[in-house]
N, C-alpha and C. Protein backbone atom coordinates (compact mmCIF):
# COMPACT_ATOMS: atom_id res chain seq x y z
N MET A 1 18.69 95.94 177.60
CA MET A 1 19.45 97.01 176.97
C MET A 1 18.58 98.27 176.86
N LYS A 2 19.17 99.41 177.19
CA LYS A 2 18.44 100.67 177.17
C LYS A 2 18.22 101.14 175.73
N LYS A 3 17.08 101.80 175.52
CA LYS A 3 16.80 102.43 174.24
C LYS A 3 17.72 103.64 174.09
N SER A 4 18.20 103.87 172.87
CA SER A 4 19.09 105.01 172.61
C SER A 4 18.28 106.24 172.22
N ILE A 5 18.75 107.39 172.70
CA ILE A 5 18.15 108.67 172.33
C ILE A 5 19.26 109.66 171.99
N LEU A 6 18.87 110.73 171.31
CA LEU A 6 19.78 111.82 171.00
C LEU A 6 19.41 112.99 171.90
N VAL A 7 20.35 113.48 172.66
CA VAL A 7 20.09 114.57 173.61
C VAL A 7 20.53 115.89 172.99
N ASP A 8 19.63 116.87 173.01
CA ASP A 8 19.92 118.18 172.45
C ASP A 8 20.56 119.07 173.51
N ILE A 9 21.25 120.09 173.07
CA ILE A 9 22.07 120.93 173.95
C ILE A 9 21.31 121.60 175.10
N PRO A 10 20.06 122.07 174.92
CA PRO A 10 19.41 122.72 176.07
C PRO A 10 19.26 121.80 177.29
N ILE A 11 19.08 120.52 177.06
CA ILE A 11 18.95 119.56 178.17
C ILE A 11 20.27 119.49 178.95
N ILE A 12 21.38 119.49 178.21
CA ILE A 12 22.70 119.38 178.84
C ILE A 12 23.07 120.67 179.56
N THR A 13 22.87 121.80 178.89
CA THR A 13 23.25 123.08 179.52
C THR A 13 22.38 123.38 180.74
N ASP A 14 21.12 123.01 180.69
CA ASP A 14 20.25 123.20 181.85
C ASP A 14 20.80 122.43 183.05
N TYR A 15 21.21 121.19 182.81
CA TYR A 15 21.76 120.38 183.89
C TYR A 15 23.10 120.95 184.39
N LEU A 16 23.96 121.33 183.47
CA LEU A 16 25.27 121.85 183.87
C LEU A 16 25.16 123.16 184.64
N LYS A 17 24.17 123.98 184.31
CA LYS A 17 24.01 125.27 184.99
C LYS A 17 23.33 125.14 186.34
N THR A 18 22.37 124.20 186.45
CA THR A 18 21.54 124.15 187.65
C THR A 18 21.71 122.88 188.47
N GLY A 19 22.26 121.83 187.86
CA GLY A 19 22.33 120.54 188.54
C GLY A 19 20.98 119.85 188.59
N LYS A 20 20.01 120.41 187.87
CA LYS A 20 18.65 119.88 187.85
C LYS A 20 18.22 119.67 186.41
N GLY A 21 17.00 119.22 186.26
CA GLY A 21 16.45 119.01 184.93
C GLY A 21 16.17 117.54 184.68
N VAL A 22 15.91 117.21 183.43
CA VAL A 22 15.50 115.86 183.07
C VAL A 22 16.67 114.92 182.78
N LEU A 23 17.87 115.44 182.72
CA LEU A 23 19.02 114.62 182.33
C LEU A 23 19.25 113.42 183.25
N PRO A 24 19.24 113.55 184.58
CA PRO A 24 19.46 112.38 185.42
C PRO A 24 18.42 111.27 185.20
N ALA A 25 17.17 111.65 185.05
CA ALA A 25 16.12 110.65 184.80
C ALA A 25 16.31 110.01 183.43
N ALA A 26 16.71 110.81 182.45
CA ALA A 26 16.96 110.27 181.11
C ALA A 26 18.11 109.27 181.14
N TYR A 27 19.13 109.58 181.91
CA TYR A 27 20.29 108.68 182.01
C TYR A 27 19.88 107.32 182.57
N GLU A 28 18.95 107.31 183.50
CA GLU A 28 18.48 106.06 184.09
C GLU A 28 17.70 105.21 183.08
N GLN A 29 17.03 105.87 182.15
CA GLN A 29 16.16 105.18 181.21
C GLN A 29 16.80 104.88 179.86
N PHE A 30 17.71 105.72 179.41
CA PHE A 30 18.18 105.67 178.03
C PHE A 30 19.70 105.58 177.92
N SER A 31 20.13 105.07 176.80
CA SER A 31 21.52 105.18 176.38
C SER A 31 21.61 106.51 175.64
N MET A 32 22.42 107.43 176.15
CA MET A 32 22.39 108.81 175.65
C MET A 32 23.50 109.08 174.63
N ASN A 33 23.09 109.76 173.56
CA ASN A 33 23.98 110.16 172.49
C ASN A 33 23.86 111.66 172.27
N ILE A 34 24.91 112.25 171.74
CA ILE A 34 24.83 113.63 171.27
C ILE A 34 25.46 113.69 169.88
N ALA A 35 24.99 114.62 169.08
CA ALA A 35 25.59 114.87 167.78
C ALA A 35 26.91 115.60 168.00
N SER A 36 27.85 115.40 167.11
CA SER A 36 29.14 116.08 167.25
C SER A 36 28.97 117.60 167.22
N THR A 37 27.93 118.09 166.53
CA THR A 37 27.68 119.53 166.53
C THR A 37 27.26 120.02 167.91
N THR A 38 26.51 119.20 168.63
CA THR A 38 26.12 119.54 170.00
C THR A 38 27.35 119.62 170.89
N TYR A 39 28.26 118.69 170.70
CA TYR A 39 29.51 118.70 171.47
C TYR A 39 30.30 119.97 171.18
N SER A 40 30.38 120.36 169.92
CA SER A 40 31.08 121.60 169.55
C SER A 40 30.41 122.82 170.17
N GLU A 41 29.09 122.88 170.09
CA GLU A 41 28.36 124.00 170.67
C GLU A 41 28.59 124.09 172.17
N LEU A 42 28.58 122.95 172.82
CA LEU A 42 28.79 122.91 174.26
C LEU A 42 30.17 123.44 174.63
N LEU A 43 31.19 122.98 173.94
CA LEU A 43 32.56 123.41 174.25
C LEU A 43 32.84 124.84 173.81
N ALA A 44 32.04 125.36 172.88
CA ALA A 44 32.23 126.73 172.40
C ALA A 44 31.72 127.78 173.38
N SER A 45 30.98 127.35 174.40
CA SER A 45 30.44 128.28 175.37
C SER A 45 31.56 129.06 176.05
N GLN A 46 31.35 130.35 176.20
CA GLN A 46 32.32 131.20 176.89
C GLN A 46 32.53 130.75 178.34
N THR A 47 31.56 130.05 178.88
CA THR A 47 31.66 129.54 180.25
C THR A 47 32.86 128.61 180.40
N PHE A 48 33.18 127.91 179.32
CA PHE A 48 34.19 126.87 179.42
C PHE A 48 35.55 127.28 178.85
N THR A 49 35.82 128.59 178.82
CA THR A 49 37.14 129.03 178.39
C THR A 49 38.19 128.74 179.45
N ASP A 50 37.75 128.56 180.68
CA ASP A 50 38.66 128.14 181.75
C ASP A 50 39.03 126.68 181.47
N PRO A 51 40.33 126.38 181.34
CA PRO A 51 40.76 125.02 180.98
C PRO A 51 40.25 123.93 181.92
N SER A 52 40.15 124.22 183.21
CA SER A 52 39.69 123.18 184.14
C SER A 52 38.20 122.89 183.94
N LEU A 53 37.41 123.93 183.66
CA LEU A 53 35.99 123.71 183.39
C LEU A 53 35.80 122.97 182.07
N GLU A 54 36.61 123.31 181.08
CA GLU A 54 36.52 122.60 179.79
C GLU A 54 36.84 121.12 179.98
N THR A 55 37.84 120.82 180.78
CA THR A 55 38.19 119.42 181.06
C THR A 55 37.04 118.71 181.76
N GLU A 56 36.40 119.39 182.71
CA GLU A 56 35.26 118.79 183.40
C GLU A 56 34.13 118.45 182.43
N VAL A 57 33.86 119.37 181.50
CA VAL A 57 32.79 119.13 180.52
C VAL A 57 33.16 117.97 179.60
N LYS A 58 34.40 117.93 179.16
CA LYS A 58 34.84 116.82 178.31
C LYS A 58 34.70 115.49 179.03
N ASP A 59 35.09 115.46 180.30
CA ASP A 59 34.97 114.24 181.10
C ASP A 59 33.50 113.85 181.29
N PHE A 60 32.65 114.85 181.52
CA PHE A 60 31.22 114.64 181.68
C PHE A 60 30.63 114.01 180.42
N VAL A 61 30.96 114.57 179.27
CA VAL A 61 30.46 114.04 177.99
C VAL A 61 30.96 112.62 177.78
N LYS A 62 32.23 112.41 178.02
CA LYS A 62 32.82 111.08 177.82
C LYS A 62 32.15 110.03 178.71
N LYS A 63 31.79 110.41 179.92
CA LYS A 63 31.19 109.48 180.88
C LYS A 63 29.74 109.13 180.53
N TYR A 64 28.97 110.13 180.07
CA TYR A 64 27.53 109.93 179.94
C TYR A 64 27.00 109.81 178.52
N PHE A 65 27.79 110.16 177.51
CA PHE A 65 27.27 110.22 176.15
C PHE A 65 28.18 109.51 175.16
N SER A 66 27.58 109.02 174.09
CA SER A 66 28.33 108.63 172.90
C SER A 66 28.16 109.78 171.92
N VAL A 67 29.25 110.21 171.32
CA VAL A 67 29.19 111.31 170.35
C VAL A 67 29.08 110.71 168.96
N ILE A 68 28.05 111.13 168.22
CA ILE A 68 27.83 110.64 166.86
C ILE A 68 28.44 111.64 165.89
N ASP A 69 29.43 111.19 165.15
CA ASP A 69 30.10 112.06 164.18
C ASP A 69 29.23 112.27 162.94
N ILE A 70 29.42 113.40 162.31
CA ILE A 70 28.72 113.70 161.06
C ILE A 70 29.38 112.91 159.94
N ASP A 71 28.57 112.15 159.22
CA ASP A 71 29.07 111.45 158.05
C ASP A 71 28.34 111.98 156.82
N SER A 72 28.60 111.41 155.67
CA SER A 72 28.00 111.94 154.45
C SER A 72 26.48 111.79 154.44
N ALA A 73 25.95 110.72 155.02
CA ALA A 73 24.50 110.54 155.06
C ALA A 73 23.84 111.62 155.92
N ILE A 74 24.45 111.93 157.05
CA ILE A 74 23.91 112.99 157.92
C ILE A 74 24.03 114.34 157.24
N ALA A 75 25.16 114.60 156.60
CA ALA A 75 25.35 115.87 155.89
C ALA A 75 24.32 116.05 154.78
N MET A 76 24.06 115.00 154.03
CA MET A 76 23.07 115.10 152.95
C MET A 76 21.67 115.33 153.50
N GLU A 77 21.32 114.64 154.58
CA GLU A 77 20.00 114.83 155.20
C GLU A 77 19.87 116.24 155.76
N ALA A 78 20.94 116.77 156.35
CA ALA A 78 20.91 118.14 156.86
C ALA A 78 20.68 119.14 155.73
N ALA A 79 21.27 118.88 154.58
CA ALA A 79 21.08 119.76 153.42
C ALA A 79 19.61 119.77 153.00
N VAL A 80 18.98 118.60 152.99
CA VAL A 80 17.56 118.51 152.65
C VAL A 80 16.73 119.31 153.65
N ILE A 81 17.04 119.15 154.92
CA ILE A 81 16.32 119.88 155.98
C ILE A 81 16.52 121.38 155.83
N LEU A 82 17.73 121.81 155.56
CA LEU A 82 18.02 123.24 155.41
C LEU A 82 17.27 123.86 154.24
N ARG A 83 17.16 123.12 153.14
CA ARG A 83 16.47 123.65 151.96
C ARG A 83 14.99 123.86 152.20
N SER A 84 14.43 123.12 153.15
CA SER A 84 12.98 123.19 153.36
C SER A 84 12.59 123.83 154.69
N SER A 85 13.53 124.52 155.33
CA SER A 85 13.21 125.12 156.63
C SER A 85 14.05 126.37 156.84
N ASP A 86 13.83 127.02 157.96
CA ASP A 86 14.65 128.17 158.33
C ASP A 86 15.52 127.86 159.56
N LEU A 87 15.85 126.59 159.72
CA LEU A 87 16.68 126.17 160.84
C LEU A 87 18.14 126.58 160.64
N THR A 88 18.87 126.65 161.73
CA THR A 88 20.31 126.88 161.65
C THR A 88 20.99 125.58 161.21
N LEU A 89 22.22 125.70 160.76
CA LEU A 89 22.96 124.51 160.35
C LEU A 89 23.11 123.55 161.52
N ALA A 90 23.42 124.05 162.70
CA ALA A 90 23.60 123.18 163.87
C ALA A 90 22.32 122.41 164.19
N THR A 91 21.19 123.08 164.15
CA THR A 91 19.92 122.42 164.43
C THR A 91 19.58 121.40 163.36
N ALA A 92 19.84 121.76 162.11
CA ALA A 92 19.59 120.82 161.00
C ALA A 92 20.46 119.58 161.13
N LEU A 93 21.70 119.76 161.58
CA LEU A 93 22.59 118.61 161.75
C LEU A 93 22.12 117.70 162.89
N VAL A 94 21.60 118.28 163.95
CA VAL A 94 21.06 117.47 165.04
C VAL A 94 19.84 116.70 164.54
N ALA A 95 18.94 117.38 163.85
CA ALA A 95 17.74 116.71 163.31
C ALA A 95 18.13 115.61 162.32
N ALA A 96 19.09 115.89 161.48
CA ALA A 96 19.54 114.90 160.50
C ALA A 96 20.18 113.70 161.18
N THR A 97 20.94 113.95 162.22
CA THR A 97 21.56 112.86 162.98
C THR A 97 20.47 111.95 163.55
N ALA A 98 19.45 112.55 164.14
CA ALA A 98 18.35 111.76 164.70
C ALA A 98 17.65 110.97 163.61
N LYS A 99 17.39 111.59 162.49
CA LYS A 99 16.69 110.90 161.41
C LYS A 99 17.52 109.75 160.84
N VAL A 100 18.77 110.02 160.50
CA VAL A 100 19.61 108.99 159.90
C VAL A 100 19.87 107.83 160.86
N LYS A 101 20.06 108.14 162.13
CA LYS A 101 20.35 107.11 163.13
C LYS A 101 19.08 106.53 163.77
N ASN A 102 17.93 107.03 163.33
CA ASN A 102 16.64 106.55 163.83
C ASN A 102 16.54 106.69 165.35
N LEU A 103 16.83 107.90 165.83
CA LEU A 103 16.80 108.19 167.25
C LEU A 103 15.76 109.27 167.55
N GLU A 104 15.11 109.15 168.68
CA GLU A 104 14.26 110.24 169.15
C GLU A 104 15.15 111.29 169.78
N ILE A 105 14.72 112.55 169.72
CA ILE A 105 15.50 113.66 170.28
C ILE A 105 14.87 114.08 171.61
N LEU A 106 15.72 114.19 172.62
CA LEU A 106 15.31 114.74 173.91
C LEU A 106 15.70 116.21 173.89
N THR A 107 14.70 117.08 173.83
CA THR A 107 14.98 118.51 173.73
C THR A 107 14.03 119.30 174.60
């Protein structure tokens, strides 16, 4: 069974833009997850306002990633992170997801 990791958005966008990067190698080694905030950020890109491109991205995520939803434990951990840092809410939620789910982040 593959070790699970949490993949951050720059890894995904780099692959989607160039077709290159570390994502293919990571897929071979790891079971890949993304935080639901990462999924939102990805779909919020102006690049994907075209419905067919948005569908392609949704299909890509569905095929290669498990999406981890924010629950109360993740929300509380993100609040702790936000109080002690200058991170954005999205970044704090990704970090909190990794911490609560005990996952390393690929970023």
